[in-house]
Amino acid sequence: MILEVAILNIKKGLSEDYEKAFQEAKSIISSMKGYISHELKKCVEQEDKYILLVNWETVEDHEIGFRKSKEYQEWKTLLHDFYEPFPIVEHYTIVDGC
């Protein structure tokens, strides 16, 4: 299993609109091959900041299966205009024995 981590900085004052858009967008990502689960968490210390955690079966499920799909274009239309700056996305795996 792979964990996708994205820290999301939302344009000032648009958090409520972002959360509404994400409610629609989550059905897109959750329908994709290799998707396991996700969590969207709001920062306590900084308004308009979130972290998105998505569990995928493989990096390829995210990078190729999702990002190169027509569904990703819908995701992009719903969410990408909210970000400033555009988020850096990283992938993590479990460290055995820890």
C-alpha atoms as a PDB file:
ATOM      1  CA  MET A   1       0.000   0.000   0.000  1.00  0.00           C
ATOM      2  CA  ILE A   2       1.150   3.533  -0.836  1.00  0.00           C
ATOM      3  CA  LEU A   3       0.162   6.715   1.001  1.00  0.00           C
ATOM      4  CA  GLU A   4      -0.191   9.849  -1.119  1.00  0.00           C
ATOM      5  CA  VAL A   5       0.353  13.014   0.935  1.00  0.00           C
ATOM      6  CA  ALA A   6      -0.549  16.496  -0.316  1.00  0.00           C
ATOM      7  CA  ILE A   7      -0.424  19.656   1.757  1.00  0.00           C
ATOM      8  CA  LEU A   8      -3.062  21.976   0.353  1.00  0.00           C
ATOM      9  CA  ASN A   9      -2.918  25.742   0.769  1.00  0.00           C
ATOM     10  CA  ILE A  10      -6.264  27.197  -0.267  1.00  0.00           C
ATOM     11  CA  LYS A  11      -6.649  30.767  -1.482  1.00  0.00           C
ATOM     12  CA  LYS A  12      -7.589  33.013   1.428  1.00  0.00           C
ATOM     13  CA  GLY A  13     -11.251  32.880   2.360  1.00  0.00           C
ATOM     14  CA  LEU A  14     -12.181  30.025   0.032  1.00  0.00           C
ATOM     15  CA  SER A  15     -12.070  27.108   2.485  1.00  0.00           C
ATOM     16  CA  GLU A  16     -15.834  26.709   2.711  1.00  0.00           C
ATOM     17  CA  ASP A  17     -16.138  26.643  -1.092  1.00  0.00           C
ATOM     18  CA  TYR A  18     -13.233  24.196  -1.293  1.00  0.00           C
ATOM     19  CA  GLU A  19     -14.874  21.815   1.171  1.00  0.00           C
ATOM     20  CA  LYS A  20     -18.104  21.876  -0.858  1.00  0.00           C
ATOM     21  CA  ALA A  21     -16.185  21.160  -4.071  1.00  0.00           C
ATOM     22  CA  PHE A  22     -14.277  18.350  -2.365  1.00  0.00           C
ATOM     23  CA  GLN A  23     -17.578  16.723  -1.342  1.00  0.00           C
ATOM     24  CA  GLU A  24     -18.299  16.315  -5.051  1.00  0.00           C
ATOM     25  CA  ALA A  25     -14.727  15.440  -6.040  1.00  0.00           C
ATOM     26  CA  LYS A  26     -14.321  12.653  -3.490  1.00  0.00           C
ATOM     27  CA  SER A  27     -16.703  10.439  -5.450  1.00  0.00           C
ATOM     28  CA  ILE A  28     -14.356  10.743  -8.434  1.00  0.00           C
ATOM     29  CA  ILE A  29     -11.202   9.619  -6.664  1.00  0.00           C
ATOM     30  CA  SER A  30     -12.954   6.895  -4.676  1.00  0.00           C
ATOM     31  CA  SER A  31     -14.167   5.273  -7.904  1.00  0.00           C
ATOM     32  CA  MET A  32     -10.657   4.816  -9.326  1.00  0.00           C
ATOM     33  CA  LYS A  33      -8.831   1.506  -9.695  1.00  0.00           C
ATOM     34  CA  GLY A  34      -6.360   1.000  -6.853  1.00  0.00           C
ATOM     35  CA  TYR A  35      -8.016   3.537  -4.540  1.00  0.00           C
ATOM     36  CA  ILE A  36      -8.264   2.277  -0.947  1.00  0.00           C
ATOM     37  CA  SER A  37      -9.275   5.242   1.235  1.00  0.00           C
ATOM     38  CA  HIS A  38      -8.725   8.941   1.870  1.00  0.00           C
ATOM     39  CA  GLU A  39      -8.845  11.557   4.600  1.00  0.00           C
ATOM     40  CA  LEU A  40      -9.015  15.330   4.212  1.00  0.00           C
ATOM     41  CA  LYS A  41      -7.876  17.104   7.359  1.00  0.00           C
ATOM     42  CA  LYS A  42      -8.035  20.836   8.139  1.00  0.00           C
ATOM     43  CA  CYS A  43      -5.098  22.494   9.877  1.00  0.00           C
ATOM     44  CA  VAL A  44      -5.783  23.744  13.392  1.00  0.00           C
ATOM     45  CA  GLU A  45      -3.029  26.397  13.389  1.00  0.00           C
ATOM     46  CA  GLN A  46      -3.467  27.836   9.899  1.00  0.00           C
ATOM     47  CA  GLU A  47      -6.759  28.812   8.328  1.00  0.00           C
ATOM     48  CA  ASP A  48      -7.168  27.729   4.697  1.00  0.00           C
ATOM     49  CA  LYS A  49      -4.660  24.852   4.996  1.00  0.00           C
ATOM     50  CA  TYR A  50      -5.445  21.137   4.637  1.00  0.00           C
ATOM     51  CA  ILE A  51      -3.691  17.823   4.236  1.00  0.00           C
ATOM     52  CA  LEU A  52      -5.017  15.152   1.908  1.00  0.00           C
ATOM     53  CA  LEU A  53      -4.043  11.546   2.627  1.00  0.00           C
ATOM     54  CA  VAL A  54      -4.955   8.935   0.025  1.00  0.00           C
ATOM     55  CA  ASN A  55      -4.143   5.244   0.277  1.00  0.00           C
ATOM     56  CA  TRP A  56      -3.512   3.554  -3.072  1.00  0.00           C
ATOM     57  CA  GLU A  57      -2.575   0.003  -3.909  1.00  0.00           C
ATOM     58  CA  THR A  58       0.408   1.250  -5.995  1.00  0.00           C
ATOM     59  CA  VAL A  59       2.054   4.512  -7.038  1.00  0.00           C
ATOM     60  CA  GLU A  60       1.056   3.682 -10.619  1.00  0.00           C
ATOM     61  CA  ASP A  61      -2.614   3.565  -9.622  1.00  0.00           C
ATOM     62  CA  HIS A  62      -2.274   7.197  -8.603  1.00  0.00           C
ATOM     63  CA  GLU A  63       0.271   8.549 -11.082  1.00  0.00           C
ATOM     64  CA  ILE A  64      -0.956   6.740 -14.203  1.00  0.00           C
ATOM     65  CA  GLY A  65      -4.394   5.273 -13.534  1.00  0.00           C
ATOM     66  CA  PHE A  66      -5.837   8.390 -11.875  1.00  0.00           C
ATOM     67  CA  ARG A  67      -3.774  11.305 -13.165  1.00  0.00           C
ATOM     68  CA  LYS A  68      -3.983  10.216 -16.795  1.00  0.00           C
ATOM     69  CA  SER A  69      -7.722   9.493 -16.695  1.00  0.00           C
ATOM     70  CA  LYS A  70     -10.658  11.542 -17.954  1.00  0.00           C
ATOM     71  CA  GLU A  71     -11.954  11.480 -14.368  1.00  0.00           C
ATOM     72  CA  TYR A  72      -8.846  13.407 -13.294  1.00  0.00           C
ATOM     73  CA  GLN A  73      -9.871  16.224 -15.618  1.00  0.00           C
ATOM     74  CA  GLU A  74     -13.130  16.512 -13.650  1.00  0.00           C
ATOM     75  CA  TRP A  75     -11.160  16.458 -10.355  1.00  0.00           C
ATOM     76  CA  LYS A  76      -8.855  19.149 -11.700  1.00  0.00           C
ATOM     77  CA  THR A  77     -11.777  21.340 -12.806  1.00  0.00           C
ATOM     78  CA  LEU A  78     -13.422  21.072  -9.386  1.00  0.00           C
ATOM     79  CA  LEU A  79     -10.351  21.637  -7.182  1.00  0.00           C
ATOM     80  CA  HIS A  80      -7.204  23.002  -8.801  1.00  0.00           C
ATOM     81  CA  ASP A  81      -8.256  26.671  -8.938  1.00  0.00           C
ATOM     82  CA  PHE A  82      -8.424  26.731  -5.122  1.00  0.00           C
ATOM     83  CA  TYR A  83      -4.701  26.008  -4.594  1.00  0.00           C
ATOM     84  CA  GLU A  84      -2.070  28.684  -4.029  1.00  0.00           C
ATOM     85  CA  PRO A  85       0.641  27.578  -4.434  1.00  0.00           C
ATOM     86  CA  PHE A  86      -0.026  24.319  -6.239  1.00  0.00           C
ATOM     87  CA  PRO A  87       0.576  21.422  -3.815  1.00  0.00           C
ATOM     88  CA  ILE A  88       3.575  19.141  -3.814  1.00  0.00           C
ATOM     89  CA  VAL A  89       2.434  15.519  -3.728  1.00  0.00           C
ATOM     90  CA  GLU A  90       4.605  12.767  -2.273  1.00  0.00           C
ATOM     91  CA  HIS A  91       4.200   9.022  -1.814  1.00  0.00           C
ATOM     92  CA  TYR A  92       5.122   7.022   1.276  1.00  0.00           C
ATOM     93  CA  THR A  93       5.337   3.370   2.160  1.00  0.00           C
ATOM     94  CA  ILE A  94       5.392   1.542   5.484  1.00  0.00           C
ATOM     95  CA  VAL A  95       8.746   0.861   7.101  1.00  0.00           C
ATOM     96  CA  ASP A  96       8.832  -2.818   7.996  1.00  0.00           C
ATOM     97  CA  GLY A  97       9.035  -3.519  11.708  1.00  0.00           C
ATOM     98  CA  CYS A  98       8.140  -0.008  12.851  1.00  0.00           C
END
